[in-house]
Amino acid sequence: MTENEFIDSIYRRLRPGMDIVKPRKTTKLLRITHDRKIYYRIGENNKKYVSEEMLRKCYRRLSSRNGLSSSEISDVAGANSPCNKTTIEWILKMGNFAALNGKVWLRQWE
């Protein structure tokens, strides 16, 4: 799978209103903007987003190594964005792009 196929496949699967299942709660995917930011709700009034560039970084790490650790996803998401980390992990799992094996996410494509 190429990087562009990976990215396009993610955006084809996502729809506003989808439930984003996180470790402590479920939230909603709010919208995807023209610049491909994936917005979701945190609490009643807070919104955050995962960017296309974050997803591209995950792809590069998944495709060039034997897995992607949680700490690497945290690095991609930004040190102050643990919510983005769990959203990225949900995207990887939801699309069957990667599966968690112990503490490492392993890619699910050839």
PDB file of N, CA and C in Angstrom:
ATOM      1  N   MET A   1       0.847  -1.172   0.000  1.00  0.00           N
ATOM      2  CA  MET A   1       0.000   0.000   0.000  1.00  0.00           C
ATOM      3  C   MET A   1       0.893   1.235   0.000  1.00  0.00           C
ATOM      4  N   THR A   2       0.610   2.140  -0.894  1.00  0.00           N
ATOM      5  CA  THR A   2       1.383   3.377  -0.941  1.00  0.00           C
ATOM      6  C   THR A   2       0.864   4.352   0.118  1.00  0.00           C
ATOM      7  N   GLU A   3       1.632   5.384   0.346  1.00  0.00           N
ATOM      8  CA  GLU A   3       1.227   6.399   1.317  1.00  0.00           C
ATOM      9  C   GLU A   3      -0.092   7.055   0.912  1.00  0.00           C
ATOM     10  N   ASN A   4      -0.226   7.400  -0.360  1.00  0.00           N
ATOM     11  CA  ASN A   4      -1.465   8.036  -0.815  1.00  0.00           C
ATOM     12  C   ASN A   4      -2.655   7.088  -0.732  1.00  0.00           C
ATOM     13  N   GLU A   5      -2.459   5.811  -1.006  1.00  0.00           N
ATOM     14  CA  GLU A   5      -3.542   4.834  -0.860  1.00  0.00           C
ATOM     15  C   GLU A   5      -3.975   4.724   0.603  1.00  0.00           C
ATOM     16  N   PHE A   6      -3.007   4.723   1.491  1.00  0.00           N
ATOM     17  CA  PHE A   6      -3.281   4.680   2.929  1.00  0.00           C
ATOM     18  C   PHE A   6      -4.127   5.882   3.338  1.00  0.00           C
ATOM     19  N   ILE A   7      -3.690   7.072   2.967  1.00  0.00           N
ATOM     20  CA  ILE A   7      -4.397   8.308   3.330  1.00  0.00           C
ATOM     21  C   ILE A   7      -5.789   8.335   2.717  1.00  0.00           C
ATOM     22  N   ASP A   8      -5.883   8.050   1.423  1.00  0.00           N
ATOM     23  CA  ASP A   8      -7.191   8.079   0.760  1.00  0.00           C
ATOM     24  C   ASP A   8      -8.151   7.066   1.371  1.00  0.00           C
ATOM     25  N   SER A   9      -7.646   5.900   1.737  1.00  0.00           N
ATOM     26  CA  SER A   9      -8.476   4.872   2.344  1.00  0.00           C
ATOM     27  C   SER A   9      -9.029   5.334   3.689  1.00  0.00           C
ATOM     28  N   ILE A  10      -8.230   6.027   4.455  1.00  0.00           N
ATOM     29  CA  ILE A  10      -8.704   6.562   5.733  1.00  0.00           C
ATOM     30  C   ILE A  10      -9.852   7.533   5.507  1.00  0.00           C
ATOM     31  N   TYR A  11      -9.653   8.494   4.611  1.00  0.00           N
ATOM     32  CA  TYR A  11     -10.672   9.521   4.411  1.00  0.00           C
ATOM     33  C   TYR A  11     -11.943   8.972   3.771  1.00  0.00           C
ATOM     34  N   ARG A  12     -11.841   7.913   2.993  1.00  0.00           N
ATOM     35  CA  ARG A  12     -13.044   7.281   2.422  1.00  0.00           C
ATOM     36  C   ARG A  12     -13.890   6.618   3.501  1.00  0.00           C
ATOM     37  N   ARG A  13     -13.264   6.146   4.561  1.00  0.00           N
ATOM     38  CA  ARG A  13     -13.980   5.413   5.612  1.00  0.00           C
ATOM     39  C   ARG A  13     -14.613   6.317   6.669  1.00  0.00           C
ATOM     40  N   LEU A  14     -14.091   7.507   6.821  1.00  0.00           N
ATOM     41  CA  LEU A  14     -14.553   8.392   7.890  1.00  0.00           C
ATOM     42  C   LEU A  14     -15.788   9.173   7.471  1.00  0.00           C
ATOM     43  N   ARG A  15     -16.726   9.302   8.413  1.00  0.00           N
ATOM     44  CA  ARG A  15     -17.957  10.055   8.186  1.00  0.00           C
ATOM     45  C   ARG A  15     -18.291  10.852   9.446  1.00  0.00           C
ATOM     46  N   PRO A  16     -18.703  12.103   9.282  1.00  0.00           N
ATOM     47  CA  PRO A  16     -19.170  12.853  10.456  1.00  0.00           C
ATOM     48  C   PRO A  16     -20.264  12.077  11.173  1.00  0.00           C
ATOM     49  N   GLY A  17     -20.211  12.128  12.491  1.00  0.00           N
ATOM     50  CA  GLY A  17     -21.180  11.416  13.314  1.00  0.00           C
ATOM     51  C   GLY A  17     -20.700  10.046  13.770  1.00  0.00           C
ATOM     52  N   MET A  18     -19.633   9.544  13.164  1.00  0.00           N
ATOM     53  CA  MET A  18     -19.095   8.249  13.591  1.00  0.00           C
ATOM     54  C   MET A  18     -18.658   8.321  15.040  1.00  0.00           C
ATOM     55  N   ASP A  19     -18.812   7.211  15.739  1.00  0.00           N
ATOM     56  CA  ASP A  19     -18.295   7.105  17.098  1.00  0.00           C
ATOM     57  C   ASP A  19     -16.811   6.801  17.055  1.00  0.00           C
ATOM     58  N   ILE A  20     -16.048   7.588  17.784  1.00  0.00           N
ATOM     59  CA  ILE A  20     -14.623   7.340  17.971  1.00  0.00           C
ATOM     60  C   ILE A  20     -14.494   6.717  19.356  1.00  0.00           C
ATOM     61  N   VAL A  21     -14.141   5.454  19.378  1.00  0.00           N
ATOM     62  CA  VAL A  21     -14.055   4.721  20.638  1.00  0.00           C
ATOM     63  C   VAL A  21     -12.664   4.924  21.228  1.00  0.00           C
ATOM     64  N   LYS A  22     -12.644   5.510  22.400  1.00  0.00           N
ATOM     65  CA  LYS A  22     -11.398   5.787  23.111  1.00  0.00           C
ATOM     66  C   LYS A  22     -11.354   4.946  24.383  1.00  0.00           C
ATOM     67  N   PRO A  23     -10.216   4.840  25.024  1.00  0.00           N
ATOM     68  CA  PRO A  23     -10.107   3.991  26.210  1.00  0.00           C
ATOM     69  C   PRO A  23     -11.095   4.339  27.332  1.00  0.00           C
ATOM     70  N   ARG A  24     -11.362   5.606  27.554  1.00  0.00           N
ATOM     71  CA  ARG A  24     -12.207   5.999  28.680  1.00  0.00           C
ATOM     72  C   ARG A  24     -13.619   6.409  28.283  1.00  0.00           C
ATOM     73  N   LYS A  25     -13.833   6.707  27.010  1.00  0.00           N
ATOM     74  CA  LYS A  25     -15.165   7.116  26.584  1.00  0.00           C
ATOM     75  C   LYS A  25     -15.254   7.068  25.063  1.00  0.00           C
ATOM     76  N   THR A  26     -16.437   7.311  24.579  1.00  0.00           N
ATOM     77  CA  THR A  26     -16.671   7.387  23.143  1.00  0.00           C
ATOM     78  C   THR A  26     -17.012   8.829  22.811  1.00  0.00           C
ATOM     79  N   THR A  27     -16.469   9.318  21.713  1.00  0.00           N
ATOM     80  CA  THR A  27     -16.746  10.674  21.270  1.00  0.00           C
ATOM     81  C   THR A  27     -17.222  10.622  19.823  1.00  0.00           C
ATOM     82  N   LYS A  28     -17.522  11.759  19.247  1.00  0.00           N
ATOM     83  CA  LYS A  28     -18.047  11.825  17.879  1.00  0.00           C
ATOM     84  C   LYS A  28     -17.058  12.508  16.946  1.00  0.00           C
ATOM     85  N   LEU A  29     -16.993  11.964  15.733  1.00  0.00           N
ATOM     86  CA  LEU A  29     -16.272  12.641  14.668  1.00  0.00           C
ATOM     87  C   LEU A  29     -17.197  13.771  14.199  1.00  0.00           C
ATOM     88  N   LEU A  30     -16.727  14.990  14.269  1.00  0.00           N
ATOM     89  CA  LEU A  30     -17.568  16.140  13.946  1.00  0.00           C
ATOM     90  C   LEU A  30     -17.573  16.487  12.465  1.00  0.00           C
ATOM     91  N   ARG A  31     -16.369  16.618  11.904  1.00  0.00           N
ATOM     92  CA  ARG A  31     -16.286  16.999  10.489  1.00  0.00           C
ATOM     93  C   ARG A  31     -14.870  16.782   9.976  1.00  0.00           C
ATOM     94  N   ILE A  32     -14.775  16.789   8.664  1.00  0.00           N
ATOM     95  CA  ILE A  32     -13.480  16.746   7.984  1.00  0.00           C
ATOM     96  C   ILE A  32     -13.447  17.972   7.091  1.00  0.00           C
ATOM     97  N   THR A  33     -12.458  18.813   7.280  1.00  0.00           N
ATOM     98  CA  THR A  33     -12.385  20.073   6.547  1.00  0.00           C
ATOM     99  C   THR A  33     -11.700  19.891   5.188  1.00  0.00           C
ATOM    100  N   HIS A  34     -11.768  20.934   4.374  1.00  0.00           N
ATOM    101  CA  HIS A  34     -11.163  20.884   3.038  1.00  0.00           C
ATOM    102  C   HIS A  34      -9.663  20.617   3.090  1.00  0.00           C
ATOM    103  N   ASP A  35      -9.008  21.014   4.181  1.00  0.00           N
ATOM    104  CA  ASP A  35      -7.569  20.747   4.327  1.00  0.00           C
ATOM    105  C   ASP A  35      -7.310  19.433   5.071  1.00  0.00           C
ATOM    106  N   ARG A  36      -8.355  18.602   5.147  1.00  0.00           N
ATOM    107  CA  ARG A  36      -8.291  17.230   5.643  1.00  0.00           C
ATOM    108  C   ARG A  36      -7.969  17.113   7.132  1.00  0.00           C
ATOM    109  N   LYS A  37      -8.425  18.084   7.910  1.00  0.00           N
ATOM    110  CA  LYS A  37      -8.334  17.962   9.364  1.00  0.00           C
ATOM    111  C   LYS A  37      -9.571  17.212   9.837  1.00  0.00           C
ATOM    112  N   ILE A  38      -9.357  16.217  10.683  1.00  0.00           N
ATOM    113  CA  ILE A  38     -10.422  15.374  11.213  1.00  0.00           C
ATOM    114  C   ILE A  38     -10.752  15.900  12.611  1.00  0.00           C
ATOM    115  N   TYR A  39     -11.875  16.616  12.719  1.00  0.00           N
ATOM    116  CA  TYR A  39     -12.268  17.215  13.988  1.00  0.00           C
ATOM    117  C   TYR A  39     -13.145  16.259  14.793  1.00  0.00           C
ATOM    118  N   TYR A  40     -12.923  16.243  16.084  1.00  0.00           N
ATOM    119  CA  TYR A  40     -13.727  15.439  17.002  1.00  0.00           C
ATOM    120  C   TYR A  40     -13.915  16.221  18.294  1.00  0.00           C
ATOM    121  N   ARG A  41     -14.898  15.814  19.071  1.00  0.00           N
ATOM    122  CA  ARG A  41     -15.239  16.522  20.302  1.00  0.00           C
ATOM    123  C   ARG A  41     -14.555  15.874  21.500  1.00  0.00           C
ATOM    124  N   ILE A  42     -14.094  16.737  22.397  1.00  0.00           N
ATOM    125  CA  ILE A  42     -13.581  16.329  23.698  1.00  0.00           C
ATOM    126  C   ILE A  42     -14.387  17.117  24.726  1.00  0.00           C
ATOM    127  N   GLY A  43     -15.152  16.434  25.524  1.00  0.00           N
ATOM    128  CA  GLY A  43     -16.013  17.110  26.488  1.00  0.00           C
ATOM    129  C   GLY A  43     -17.159  17.815  25.774  1.00  0.00           C
ATOM    130  N   GLU A  44     -17.757  18.761  26.452  1.00  0.00           N
ATOM    131  CA  GLU A  44     -18.913  19.463  25.890  1.00  0.00           C
ATOM    132  C   GLU A  44     -18.518  20.547  24.886  1.00  0.00           C
ATOM    133  N   ASN A  45     -17.425  21.257  25.161  1.00  0.00           N
ATOM    134  CA  ASN A  45     -17.111  22.441  24.366  1.00  0.00           C
ATOM    135  C   ASN A  45     -15.799  22.387  23.600  1.00  0.00           C
ATOM    136  N   ASN A  46     -14.971  21.389  23.859  1.00  0.00           N
ATOM    137  CA  ASN A  46     -13.648  21.352  23.243  1.00  0.00           C
ATOM    138  C   ASN A  46     -13.641  20.520  21.976  1.00  0.00           C
ATOM    139  N   LYS A  47     -12.951  21.042  20.966  1.00  0.00           N
ATOM    140  CA  LYS A  47     -12.764  20.308  19.718  1.00  0.00           C
ATOM    141  C   LYS A  47     -11.269  20.185  19.469  1.00  0.00           C
ATOM    142  N   LYS A  48     -10.878  19.051  18.929  1.00  0.00           N
ATOM    143  CA  LYS A  48      -9.490  18.814  18.531  1.00  0.00           C
ATOM    144  C   LYS A  48      -9.512  18.216  17.144  1.00  0.00           C
ATOM    145  N   TYR A  49      -8.335  18.133  16.536  1.00  0.00           N
ATOM    146  CA  TYR A  49      -8.271  17.519  15.216  1.00  0.00           C
ATOM    147  C   TYR A  49      -6.993  16.724  15.040  1.00  0.00           C
ATOM    148  N   VAL A  50      -7.086  15.750  14.146  1.00  0.00           N
ATOM    149  CA  VAL A  50      -5.940  14.992  13.655  1.00  0.00           C
ATOM    150  C   VAL A  50      -5.726  15.455  12.226  1.00  0.00           C
ATOM    151  N   SER A  51      -4.493  15.787  11.900  1.00  0.00           N
ATOM    152  CA  SER A  51      -4.193  16.300  10.562  1.00  0.00           C
ATOM    153  C   SER A  51      -3.733  15.187   9.617  1.00  0.00           C
ATOM    154  N   GLU A  52      -3.820  15.460   8.347  1.00  0.00           N
ATOM    155  CA  GLU A  52      -3.321  14.525   7.333  1.00  0.00           C
ATOM    156  C   GLU A  52      -1.829  14.264   7.540  1.00  0.00           C
ATOM    157  N   GLU A  53      -1.083  15.297   7.904  1.00  0.00           N
ATOM    158  CA  GLU A  53       0.364  15.125   8.103  1.00  0.00           C
ATOM    159  C   GLU A  53       0.660  14.147   9.249  1.00  0.00           C
ATOM    160  N   MET A  54      -0.141  14.186  10.304  1.00  0.00           N
ATOM    161  CA  MET A  54       0.045  13.218  11.397  1.00  0.00           C
ATOM    162  C   MET A  54      -0.142  11.797  10.875  1.00  0.00           C
ATOM    163  N   LEU A  55      -1.166  11.597  10.052  1.00  0.00           N
ATOM    164  CA  LEU A  55      -1.431  10.265   9.490  1.00  0.00           C
ATOM    165  C   LEU A  55      -0.317   9.839   8.545  1.00  0.00           C
ATOM    166  N   ARG A  56       0.213  10.775   7.780  1.00  0.00           N
ATOM    167  CA  ARG A  56       1.331  10.458   6.880  1.00  0.00           C
ATOM    168  C   ARG A  56       2.568  10.041   7.675  1.00  0.00           C
ATOM    169  N   LYS A  57       2.828  10.705   8.775  1.00  0.00           N
ATOM    170  CA  LYS A  57       3.970  10.328   9.628  1.00  0.00           C
ATOM    171  C   LYS A  57       3.787   8.917  10.180  1.00  0.00           C
ATOM    172  N   CYS A  58       2.570   8.587  10.569  1.00  0.00           N
ATOM    173  CA  CYS A  58       2.301   7.224  11.054  1.00  0.00           C
ATOM    174  C   CYS A  58       2.551   6.212   9.948  1.00  0.00           C
ATOM    175  N   TYR A  59       2.078   6.512   8.746  1.00  0.00           N
ATOM    176  CA  TYR A  59       2.299   5.604   7.620  1.00  0.00           C
ATOM    177  C   TYR A  59       3.799   5.374   7.413  1.00  0.00           C
ATOM    178  N   ARG A  60       4.554   6.445   7.384  1.00  0.00           N
ATOM    179  CA  ARG A  60       6.002   6.333   7.129  1.00  0.00           C
ATOM    180  C   ARG A  60       6.677   5.473   8.189  1.00  0.00           C
ATOM    181  N   ARG A  61       6.282   5.653   9.418  1.00  0.00           N
ATOM    182  CA  ARG A  61       6.887   4.852  10.487  1.00  0.00           C
ATOM    183  C   ARG A  61       6.431   3.400  10.429  1.00  0.00           C
ATOM    184  N   LEU A  62       5.159   3.192  10.119  1.00  0.00           N
ATOM    185  CA  LEU A  62       4.660   1.817   9.995  1.00  0.00           C
ATOM    186  C   LEU A  62       5.296   1.091   8.818  1.00  0.00           C
ATOM    187  N   SER A  63       5.488   1.788   7.719  1.00  0.00           N
ATOM    188  CA  SER A  63       5.988   1.125   6.513  1.00  0.00           C
ATOM    189  C   SER A  63       7.499   0.956   6.505  1.00  0.00           C
ATOM    190  N   SER A  64       8.219   1.711   7.301  1.00  0.00           N
ATOM    191  CA  SER A  64       9.674   1.629   7.280  1.00  0.00           C
ATOM    192  C   SER A  64      10.254   0.850   8.451  1.00  0.00           C
ATOM    193  N   ARG A  65       9.409   0.366   9.338  1.00  0.00           N
ATOM    194  CA  ARG A  65       9.882  -0.329  10.530  1.00  0.00           C
ATOM    195  C   ARG A  65       9.048  -1.564  10.791  1.00  0.00           C
ATOM    196  N   ASN A  66       9.428  -2.216  11.848  1.00  0.00           N
ATOM    197  CA  ASN A  66       8.646  -3.371  12.298  1.00  0.00           C
ATOM    198  C   ASN A  66       7.672  -2.966  13.386  1.00  0.00           C
ATOM    199  N   GLY A  67       6.951  -1.896  13.146  1.00  0.00           N
ATOM    200  CA  GLY A  67       5.925  -1.481  14.087  1.00  0.00           C
ATOM    201  C   GLY A  67       6.061  -0.040  14.505  1.00  0.00           C
ATOM    202  N   LEU A  68       5.036   0.400  15.195  1.00  0.00           N
ATOM    203  CA  LEU A  68       4.924   1.775  15.658  1.00  0.00           C
ATOM    204  C   LEU A  68       4.517   1.712  17.122  1.00  0.00           C
ATOM    205  N   SER A  69       5.358   2.229  17.996  1.00  0.00           N
ATOM    206  CA  SER A  69       5.068   2.157  19.432  1.00  0.00           C
ATOM    207  C   SER A  69       4.097   3.264  19.833  1.00  0.00           C
ATOM    208  N   SER A  70       3.497   3.088  20.985  1.00  0.00           N
ATOM    209  CA  SER A  70       2.602   4.115  21.527  1.00  0.00           C
ATOM    210  C   SER A  70       3.334   5.430  21.726  1.00  0.00           C
ATOM    211  N   SER A  71       4.575   5.374  22.161  1.00  0.00           N
ATOM    212  CA  SER A  71       5.327   6.614  22.363  1.00  0.00           C
ATOM    213  C   SER A  71       5.601   7.318  21.036  1.00  0.00           C
ATOM    214  N   GLU A  72       5.794   6.554  19.961  1.00  0.00           N
ATOM    215  CA  GLU A  72       5.970   7.175  18.651  1.00  0.00           C
ATOM    216  C   GLU A  72       4.676   7.821  18.169  1.00  0.00           C
ATOM    217  N   ILE A  73       3.545   7.182  18.457  1.00  0.00           N
ATOM    218  CA  ILE A  73       2.260   7.806  18.110  1.00  0.00           C
ATOM    219  C   ILE A  73       2.094   9.092  18.920  1.00  0.00           C
ATOM    220  N   SER A  74       2.496   9.080  20.174  1.00  0.00           N
ATOM    221  CA  SER A  74       2.450  10.296  20.998  1.00  0.00           C
ATOM    222  C   SER A  74       3.307  11.392  20.393  1.00  0.00           C
ATOM    223  N   ASP A  75       4.495  11.037  19.892  1.00  0.00           N
ATOM    224  CA  ASP A  75       5.367  12.017  19.234  1.00  0.00           C
ATOM    225  C   ASP A  75       4.686  12.620  18.011  1.00  0.00           C
ATOM    226  N   VAL A  76       4.045  11.771  17.221  1.00  0.00           N
ATOM    227  CA  VAL A  76       3.336  12.239  16.023  1.00  0.00           C
ATOM    228  C   VAL A  76       2.174  13.138  16.419  1.00  0.00           C
ATOM    229  N   ALA A  77       1.437  12.742  17.452  1.00  0.00           N
ATOM    230  CA  ALA A  77       0.241  13.479  17.876  1.00  0.00           C
ATOM    231  C   ALA A  77       0.588  14.802  18.553  1.00  0.00           C
ATOM    232  N   GLY A  78       1.767  14.904  19.097  1.00  0.00           N
ATOM    233  CA  GLY A  78       2.167  16.095  19.828  1.00  0.00           C
ATOM    234  C   GLY A  78       2.137  15.812  21.316  1.00  0.00           C
ATOM    235  N   ALA A  79       3.141  16.257  21.996  1.00  0.00           N
ATOM    236  CA  ALA A  79       3.301  15.955  23.417  1.00  0.00           C
ATOM    237  C   ALA A  79       2.111  16.393  24.260  1.00  0.00           C
ATOM    238  N   ASN A  80       1.418  17.429  23.845  1.00  0.00           N
ATOM    239  CA  ASN A  80       0.292  17.945  24.625  1.00  0.00           C
ATOM    240  C   ASN A  80      -1.050  17.439  24.121  1.00  0.00           C
ATOM    241  N   SER A  81      -1.049  16.397  23.317  1.00  0.00           N
ATOM    242  CA  SER A  81      -2.301  15.916  22.728  1.00  0.00           C
ATOM    243  C   SER A  81      -2.514  14.415  22.923  1.00  0.00           C
ATOM    244  N   PRO A  82      -2.700  13.970  24.162  1.00  0.00           N
ATOM    245  CA  PRO A  82      -2.985  12.545  24.353  1.00  0.00           C
ATOM    246  C   PRO A  82      -4.299  12.134  23.683  1.00  0.00           C
ATOM    247  N   CYS A  83      -5.215  13.080  23.518  1.00  0.00           N
ATOM    248  CA  CYS A  83      -6.477  12.760  22.836  1.00  0.00           C
ATOM    249  C   CYS A  83      -6.226  12.431  21.362  1.00  0.00           C
ATOM    250  N   ASN A  84      -5.293  13.134  20.734  1.00  0.00           N
ATOM    251  CA  ASN A  84      -4.958  12.834  19.338  1.00  0.00           C
ATOM    252  C   ASN A  84      -4.332  11.447  19.228  1.00  0.00           C
ATOM    253  N   LYS A  85      -3.543  11.072  20.203  1.00  0.00           N
ATOM    254  CA  LYS A  85      -2.917   9.742  20.195  1.00  0.00           C
ATOM    255  C   LYS A  85      -3.978   8.655  20.144  1.00  0.00           C
ATOM    256  N   THR A  86      -4.972   8.748  21.014  1.00  0.00           N
ATOM    257  CA  THR A  86      -6.004   7.708  21.037  1.00  0.00           C
ATOM    258  C   THR A  86      -6.896   7.769  19.804  1.00  0.00           C
ATOM    259  N   THR A  87      -7.058   8.947  19.224  1.00  0.00           N
ATOM    260  CA  THR A  87      -7.835   9.048  17.983  1.00  0.00           C
ATOM    261  C   THR A  87      -7.069   8.415  16.826  1.00  0.00           C
ATOM    262  N   ILE A  88      -5.774   8.653  16.738  1.00  0.00           N
ATOM    263  CA  ILE A  88      -4.948   8.023  15.703  1.00  0.00           C
ATOM    264  C   ILE A  88      -4.983   6.506  15.871  1.00  0.00           C
ATOM    265  N   GLU A  89      -4.864   6.028  17.095  1.00  0.00           N
ATOM    266  CA  GLU A  89      -4.926   4.584  17.329  1.00  0.00           C
ATOM    267  C   GLU A  89      -6.282   4.025  16.894  1.00  0.00           C
ATOM    268  N   TRP A  90      -7.358   4.755  17.158  1.00  0.00           N
ATOM    269  CA  TRP A  90      -8.694   4.322  16.722  1.00  0.00           C
ATOM    270  C   TRP A  90      -8.742   4.239  15.198  1.00  0.00           C
ATOM    271  N   ILE A  91      -8.184   5.225  14.505  1.00  0.00           N
ATOM    272  CA  ILE A  91      -8.171   5.228  13.035  1.00  0.00           C
ATOM    273  C   ILE A  91      -7.416   4.008  12.518  1.00  0.00           C
ATOM    274  N   LEU A  92      -6.256   3.716  13.098  1.00  0.00           N
ATOM    275  CA  LEU A  92      -5.461   2.561  12.668  1.00  0.00           C
ATOM    276  C   LEU A  92      -6.235   1.260  12.859  1.00  0.00           C
ATOM    277  N   LYS A  93      -6.912   1.151  13.992  1.00  0.00           N
ATOM    278  CA  LYS A  93      -7.676  -0.060  14.300  1.00  0.00           C
ATOM    279  C   LYS A  93      -8.946  -0.135  13.460  1.00  0.00           C
ATOM    280  N   MET A  94      -9.699   0.953  13.369  1.00  0.00           N
ATOM    281  CA  MET A  94     -10.971   0.996  12.662  1.00  0.00           C
ATOM    282  C   MET A  94     -10.807   0.601  11.194  1.00  0.00           C
ATOM    283  N   GLY A  95      -9.738   1.046  10.589  1.00  0.00           N
ATOM    284  CA  GLY A  95      -9.519   0.763   9.173  1.00  0.00           C
ATOM    285  C   GLY A  95      -8.727  -0.503   8.915  1.00  0.00           C
ATOM    286  N   ASN A  96      -8.415  -1.253   9.971  1.00  0.00           N
ATOM    287  CA  ASN A  96      -7.575  -2.446   9.849  1.00  0.00           C
ATOM    288  C   ASN A  96      -6.229  -2.139   9.193  1.00  0.00           C
ATOM    289  N   PHE A  97      -5.710  -0.956   9.481  1.00  0.00           N
ATOM    290  CA  PHE A  97      -4.407  -0.570   8.958  1.00  0.00           C
ATOM    291  C   PHE A  97      -3.287  -1.125   9.830  1.00  0.00           C
ATOM    292  N   ALA A  98      -3.571  -1.241  11.128  1.00  0.00           N
ATOM    293  CA  ALA A  98      -2.577  -1.753  12.066  1.00  0.00           C
ATOM    294  C   ALA A  98      -3.307  -2.417  13.226  1.00  0.00           C
ATOM    295  N   ALA A  99      -2.612  -3.341  13.854  1.00  0.00           N
ATOM    296  CA  ALA A  99      -3.155  -4.031  15.017  1.00  0.00           C
ATOM    297  C   ALA A  99      -2.135  -3.951  16.144  1.00  0.00           C
ATOM    298  N   LEU A 100      -2.639  -3.848  17.351  1.00  0.00           N
ATOM    299  CA  LEU A 100      -1.778  -3.756  18.513  1.00  0.00           C
ATOM    300  C   LEU A 100      -1.298  -5.147  18.905  1.00  0.00           C
ATOM    301  N   ASN A 101       0.022  -5.281  18.989  1.00  0.00           N
ATOM    302  CA  ASN A 101       0.651  -6.530  19.392  1.00  0.00           C
ATOM    303  C   ASN A 101       1.524  -6.202  20.592  1.00  0.00           C
ATOM    304  N   GLY A 102       0.981  -6.421  21.786  1.00  0.00           N
ATOM    305  CA  GLY A 102       1.689  -6.000  22.990  1.00  0.00           C
ATOM    306  C   GLY A 102       1.639  -4.488  23.091  1.00  0.00           C
ATOM    307  N   LYS A 103       2.783  -3.842  22.952  1.00  0.00           N
ATOM    308  CA  LYS A 103       2.848  -2.373  23.010  1.00  0.00           C
ATOM    309  C   LYS A 103       3.209  -1.762  21.668  1.00  0.00           C
ATOM    310  N   VAL A 104       3.160  -2.578  20.613  1.00  0.00           N
ATOM    311  CA  VAL A 104       3.568  -2.110  19.282  1.00  0.00           C
ATOM    312  C   VAL A 104       2.429  -2.310  18.291  1.00  0.00           C
ATOM    313  N   TRP A 105       2.166  -1.290  17.497  1.00  0.00           N
ATOM    314  CA  TRP A 105       1.198  -1.390  16.404  1.00  0.00           C
ATOM    315  C   TRP A 105       1.930  -1.926  15.183  1.00  0.00           C
ATOM    316  N   LEU A 106       1.409  -3.026  14.621  1.00  0.00           N
ATOM    317  CA  LEU A 106       1.997  -3.634  13.428  1.00  0.00           C
ATOM    318  C   LEU A 106       1.087  -3.397  12.246  1.00  0.00           C
ATOM    319  N   ARG A 107       1.663  -3.048  11.125  1.00  0.00           N
ATOM    320  CA  ARG A 107       0.849  -2.785   9.931  1.00  0.00           C
ATOM    321  C   ARG A 107       0.142  -4.057   9.471  1.00  0.00           C
ATOM    322  N   GLN A 108      -1.006  -3.859   8.827  1.00  0.00           N
ATOM    323  CA  GLN A 108      -1.832  -4.980   8.391  1.00  0.00           C
ATOM    324  C   GLN A 108      -1.901  -5.078   6.869  1.00  0.00           C
ATOM    325  N   TRP A 109      -1.018  -4.392   6.174  1.00  0.00           N
ATOM    326  CA  TRP A 109      -0.987  -4.487   4.716  1.00  0.00           C
ATOM    327  C   TRP A 109       0.363  -5.028   4.287  1.00  0.00           C
ATOM    328  N   GLU A 110       0.390  -5.518   3.057  1.00  0.00           N
ATOM    329  CA  GLU A 110       1.637  -6.059   2.494  1.00  0.00           C
ATOM    330  C   GLU A 110       2.356  -5.017   1.692  1.00  0.00           C
TER     331      GLU A 110
END
